[in-house]
N, C-alpha and C. Protein backbone atom coordinates (compact mmCIF):
# COMPACT_ATOMS: atom_id res chain seq x y z
N MET A 1 129.93 85.67 101.25
CA MET A 1 129.24 86.85 101.73
C MET A 1 128.33 87.39 100.62
N VAL A 2 127.34 86.65 100.27
CA VAL A 2 126.37 87.05 99.25
C VAL A 2 125.20 87.72 99.95
N ALA A 3 124.72 88.79 99.37
CA ALA A 3 123.59 89.52 99.95
C ALA A 3 122.32 89.23 99.15
N ARG A 4 121.19 89.25 99.83
CA ARG A 4 119.88 89.12 99.19
C ARG A 4 119.23 90.49 99.18
N ILE A 5 118.69 90.88 98.05
CA ILE A 5 117.92 92.11 97.95
C ILE A 5 116.50 91.70 97.60
N TYR A 6 115.55 92.07 98.43
CA TYR A 6 114.17 91.66 98.20
C TYR A 6 113.22 92.69 98.79
N ARG A 7 111.99 92.56 98.39
CA ARG A 7 110.92 93.40 98.92
C ARG A 7 110.05 92.49 99.78
N PRO A 8 109.99 92.73 101.09
CA PRO A 8 109.25 91.81 101.96
C PRO A 8 107.76 91.84 101.69
N ALA A 9 107.15 90.70 101.90
CA ALA A 9 105.70 90.59 101.72
C ALA A 9 104.99 91.19 102.93
N ARG A 10 103.77 91.58 102.73
CA ARG A 10 102.96 92.12 103.82
C ARG A 10 102.67 91.00 104.80
N PRO A 11 102.77 91.25 106.10
CA PRO A 11 102.45 90.21 107.07
C PRO A 11 100.99 89.78 106.96
N ALA A 12 100.74 88.50 107.12
CA ALA A 12 99.39 87.99 106.98
C ALA A 12 98.47 88.47 108.10
N THR A 13 99.04 88.81 109.23
CA THR A 13 98.22 89.23 110.37
C THR A 13 97.93 90.72 110.38
N GLN A 14 98.49 91.46 109.44
CA GLN A 14 98.31 92.91 109.41
C GLN A 14 97.64 93.32 108.11
N SER A 15 96.84 94.36 108.17
CA SER A 15 96.19 94.84 106.96
C SER A 15 96.95 95.98 106.30
N GLY A 16 97.86 96.61 107.01
CA GLY A 16 98.62 97.73 106.46
C GLY A 16 99.79 97.28 105.60
N GLU A 17 100.39 98.22 104.91
CA GLU A 17 101.52 97.93 104.04
C GLU A 17 102.75 98.73 104.45
N ALA A 18 102.93 98.98 105.72
CA ALA A 18 103.97 99.89 106.20
C ALA A 18 105.37 99.43 105.83
N ARG A 19 105.73 98.21 106.08
CA ARG A 19 107.08 97.74 105.83
C ARG A 19 107.23 97.00 104.50
N SER A 20 106.20 96.93 103.71
CA SER A 20 106.28 96.17 102.47
C SER A 20 106.65 97.04 101.27
N ARG A 21 106.83 98.32 101.46
CA ARG A 21 107.19 99.21 100.35
C ARG A 21 108.70 99.39 100.22
N GLU A 22 109.45 99.04 101.24
CA GLU A 22 110.89 99.21 101.24
C GLU A 22 111.58 97.96 100.69
N TRP A 23 112.79 98.13 100.20
CA TRP A 23 113.61 97.03 99.75
C TRP A 23 114.63 96.74 100.84
N VAL A 24 114.92 95.47 101.05
CA VAL A 24 115.80 95.06 102.14
C VAL A 24 117.03 94.38 101.55
N LEU A 25 118.20 94.73 102.10
CA LEU A 25 119.45 94.06 101.77
C LEU A 25 119.90 93.35 103.03
N GLU A 26 120.01 92.03 102.96
CA GLU A 26 120.53 91.26 104.09
C GLU A 26 121.45 90.18 103.57
N PHE A 27 122.36 89.73 104.41
CA PHE A 27 123.37 88.77 104.00
C PHE A 27 122.87 87.34 104.17
N GLU A 28 123.29 86.48 103.25
CA GLU A 28 122.99 85.05 103.36
C GLU A 28 123.75 84.49 104.57
N PRO A 29 123.16 83.55 105.28
CA PRO A 29 123.87 82.96 106.42
C PRO A 29 125.08 82.14 105.95
N GLU A 30 126.21 82.36 106.62
CA GLU A 30 127.42 81.62 106.28
C GLU A 30 127.67 80.46 107.24
N ALA A 31 127.10 80.53 108.43
CA ALA A 31 127.30 79.47 109.42
C ALA A 31 125.96 79.14 110.06
N ASP A 32 125.84 77.91 110.50
CA ASP A 32 124.62 77.49 111.18
C ASP A 32 124.63 77.95 112.63
N TYR A 33 123.45 77.92 113.22
CA TYR A 33 123.34 78.20 114.65
C TYR A 33 124.01 77.08 115.42
N GLY A 34 124.56 77.42 116.56
CA GLY A 34 125.18 76.43 117.43
C GLY A 34 124.56 76.47 118.81
N ARG A 35 125.05 75.64 119.70
CA ARG A 35 124.57 75.63 121.08
C ARG A 35 125.71 76.03 121.99
N GLU A 36 125.42 76.91 122.90
CA GLU A 36 126.41 77.34 123.88
C GLU A 36 126.55 76.21 124.89
N PRO A 37 127.78 75.72 125.16
CA PRO A 37 127.93 74.51 125.95
C PRO A 37 127.52 74.63 127.42
N LEU A 38 127.69 75.79 128.02
CA LEU A 38 127.40 75.91 129.45
C LEU A 38 125.90 75.98 129.73
N MET A 39 125.19 76.86 129.05
CA MET A 39 123.77 77.07 129.34
C MET A 39 122.85 76.41 128.30
N GLY A 40 123.39 76.05 127.14
CA GLY A 40 122.56 75.44 126.11
C GLY A 40 121.81 76.43 125.26
N TRP A 41 122.16 77.71 125.35
CA TRP A 41 121.50 78.72 124.54
C TRP A 41 121.95 78.61 123.10
N THR A 42 121.14 79.16 122.20
CA THR A 42 121.49 79.17 120.79
C THR A 42 122.48 80.30 120.54
N THR A 43 123.55 79.98 119.82
CA THR A 43 124.57 80.98 119.52
C THR A 43 124.82 81.00 118.02
N MET A 44 125.46 82.06 117.55
CA MET A 44 125.89 82.11 116.17
C MET A 44 127.21 82.85 116.10
N SER A 45 128.04 82.42 115.19
CA SER A 45 129.33 83.07 115.01
C SER A 45 129.31 84.03 113.83
N ASP A 46 128.25 84.02 113.07
CA ASP A 46 128.11 84.86 111.88
C ASP A 46 127.37 86.14 112.26
N MET A 47 128.09 87.22 112.48
CA MET A 47 127.46 88.46 112.91
C MET A 47 126.81 89.23 111.76
N LYS A 48 127.14 88.89 110.53
CA LYS A 48 126.51 89.57 109.39
C LYS A 48 125.04 89.20 109.26
N ARG A 49 124.64 88.12 109.88
CA ARG A 49 123.25 87.69 109.83
C ARG A 49 122.34 88.71 110.50
N GLN A 50 122.88 89.50 111.40
CA GLN A 50 122.09 90.49 112.13
C GLN A 50 121.90 91.79 111.35
N VAL A 51 122.64 91.97 110.27
CA VAL A 51 122.58 93.22 109.50
C VAL A 51 121.42 93.15 108.51
N LYS A 52 120.54 94.13 108.58
CA LYS A 52 119.42 94.23 107.65
C LYS A 52 119.25 95.71 107.32
N MET A 53 119.55 96.08 106.08
CA MET A 53 119.47 97.48 105.67
C MET A 53 118.25 97.68 104.79
N ARG A 54 117.57 98.79 104.97
CA ARG A 54 116.36 99.11 104.21
C ARG A 54 116.64 100.27 103.27
N PHE A 55 116.10 100.16 102.05
CA PHE A 55 116.28 101.18 101.03
C PHE A 55 114.92 101.54 100.43
N ASP A 56 114.84 102.74 99.88
CA ASP A 56 113.59 103.19 99.26
C ASP A 56 113.30 102.50 97.94
N SER A 57 114.35 102.08 97.21
CA SER A 57 114.14 101.45 95.91
C SER A 57 115.16 100.34 95.71
N ARG A 58 114.87 99.47 94.75
CA ARG A 58 115.79 98.38 94.42
C ARG A 58 117.09 98.92 93.85
N GLU A 59 117.00 99.99 93.06
CA GLU A 59 118.19 100.56 92.44
C GLU A 59 119.17 101.08 93.49
N LYS A 60 118.64 101.69 94.56
CA LYS A 60 119.51 102.19 95.63
C LYS A 60 120.19 101.05 96.37
N ALA A 61 119.49 99.95 96.58
CA ALA A 61 120.08 98.79 97.25
C ALA A 61 121.17 98.17 96.37
N GLU A 62 120.90 98.06 95.07
CA GLU A 62 121.90 97.51 94.16
C GLU A 62 123.12 98.42 94.07
N ALA A 63 122.90 99.73 94.03
CA ALA A 63 124.02 100.68 93.98
C ALA A 63 124.88 100.58 95.23
N TYR A 64 124.26 100.41 96.39
CA TYR A 64 125.01 100.26 97.64
C TYR A 64 125.87 99.01 97.58
N ALA A 65 125.29 97.90 97.12
CA ALA A 65 126.04 96.64 97.06
C ALA A 65 127.20 96.75 96.07
N ARG A 66 126.97 97.38 94.92
CA ARG A 66 128.06 97.54 93.95
C ARG A 66 129.15 98.45 94.48
N ARG A 67 128.76 99.53 95.15
CA ARG A 67 129.72 100.50 95.68
C ARG A 67 130.64 99.85 96.71
N HIS A 68 130.12 98.91 97.48
CA HIS A 68 130.91 98.27 98.52
C HIS A 68 131.44 96.90 98.11
N GLY A 69 131.25 96.53 96.87
CA GLY A 69 131.81 95.28 96.35
C GLY A 69 131.15 94.04 96.93
N ILE A 70 129.87 94.11 97.22
CA ILE A 70 129.14 92.98 97.79
C ILE A 70 128.40 92.26 96.67
N PRO A 71 128.67 90.97 96.45
CA PRO A 71 127.88 90.24 95.46
C PRO A 71 126.45 90.08 95.98
N PHE A 72 125.48 90.20 95.08
CA PHE A 72 124.09 90.18 95.53
C PHE A 72 123.20 89.41 94.58
N ILE A 73 122.06 89.00 95.11
CA ILE A 73 121.01 88.32 94.35
C ILE A 73 119.73 89.12 94.58
N VAL A 74 119.01 89.43 93.51
CA VAL A 74 117.74 90.14 93.64
C VAL A 74 116.63 89.11 93.53
N LEU A 75 115.84 88.99 94.58
CA LEU A 75 114.72 88.06 94.59
C LEU A 75 113.50 88.72 93.96
N PRO A 76 112.67 87.94 93.27
CA PRO A 76 111.49 88.54 92.62
C PRO A 76 110.50 89.09 93.63
N GLU A 77 109.75 90.10 93.20
CA GLU A 77 108.74 90.71 94.06
C GLU A 77 107.58 89.76 94.27
N HIS A 78 106.95 89.87 95.43
CA HIS A 78 105.76 89.09 95.71
C HIS A 78 104.58 89.72 94.99
N GLU A 79 103.77 88.89 94.40
CA GLU A 79 102.56 89.38 93.73
C GLU A 79 101.50 89.69 94.78
N LYS A 80 100.90 90.83 94.66
CA LYS A 80 99.86 91.23 95.58
C LYS A 80 98.53 90.68 95.08
N THR A 81 97.90 89.85 95.89
CA THR A 81 96.60 89.30 95.52
C THR A 81 95.53 89.91 96.41
N VAL A 82 94.51 90.41 95.78
CA VAL A 82 93.42 91.03 96.52
C VAL A 82 92.17 90.21 96.30
N LYS A 83 91.58 89.75 97.38
CA LYS A 83 90.34 89.00 97.31
C LYS A 83 89.22 89.91 97.76
N SER A 84 88.23 90.05 96.91
CA SER A 84 87.12 90.92 97.30
C SER A 84 86.26 90.18 98.33
N LYS A 85 86.05 90.82 99.45
CA LYS A 85 85.27 90.23 100.53
C LYS A 85 84.19 91.21 100.94
N SER A 86 83.07 90.66 101.32
CA SER A 86 81.96 91.47 101.78
C SER A 86 81.30 90.75 102.94
N TYR A 87 80.92 91.48 103.93
CA TYR A 87 80.26 90.88 105.08
C TYR A 87 78.94 90.23 104.68
N THR A 88 78.27 90.82 103.73
CA THR A 88 76.97 90.28 103.32
C THR A 88 77.10 88.95 102.58
N ASP A 89 78.30 88.64 102.07
CA ASP A 89 78.49 87.34 101.41
C ASP A 89 78.30 86.18 102.37
N ASN A 90 78.46 86.41 103.65
CA ASN A 90 78.26 85.34 104.64
C ASN A 90 76.81 84.89 104.70
N PHE A 91 75.89 85.72 104.25
CA PHE A 91 74.47 85.43 104.37
C PHE A 91 73.78 85.20 103.02
N ARG A 92 74.56 84.98 101.97
CA ARG A 92 73.98 84.75 100.65
C ARG A 92 73.20 83.46 100.60
N ALA A 93 72.18 83.43 99.78
CA ALA A 93 71.40 82.20 99.60
C ALA A 93 72.17 81.18 98.77
N THR A 94 73.10 81.67 97.94
CA THR A 94 73.88 80.78 97.07
C THR A 94 75.23 80.40 97.69
N ARG A 95 75.31 80.50 98.97
CA ARG A 95 76.56 80.19 99.68
C ARG A 95 76.89 78.71 99.47
N LYS A 96 78.17 78.39 99.17
CA LYS A 96 78.56 77.02 98.86
C LYS A 96 78.61 76.14 100.10
N VAL A 97 79.02 76.70 101.22
CA VAL A 97 79.15 75.93 102.46
C VAL A 97 78.11 76.41 103.44
N ASN A 98 77.37 75.48 104.02
CA ASN A 98 76.34 75.86 104.99
C ASN A 98 76.96 76.29 106.31
N TRP A 99 76.20 77.03 107.07
CA TRP A 99 76.62 77.43 108.40
C TRP A 99 76.73 76.21 109.29
N THR A 100 77.70 76.19 110.18
CA THR A 100 77.89 75.03 111.05
C THR A 100 77.39 75.29 112.46
N HIS A 101 76.87 76.44 112.72
CA HIS A 101 76.38 76.72 114.08
C HIS A 101 74.97 77.26 114.07
């Protein structure tokens, strides 16, 4: 029952940073997914996999894990990369790739 503490990366499809400022504590999976024999649906016997707690800071998540005796691993933060983009760059004379249409 090892927990992971990490800061989720910003979704690639979204421009906002709403859920990327919080720290998340979730448990490592202990059992694999299985198949329900009657209908063939995916099942799991590990209910801790569904638990995902959010904290304002890494220190609060670590304190919670220590207080409850949960061994944990802190994953490194994702580096935020910002690429400067401009609409006018599409029409530069020094553009490396020509227009295809």
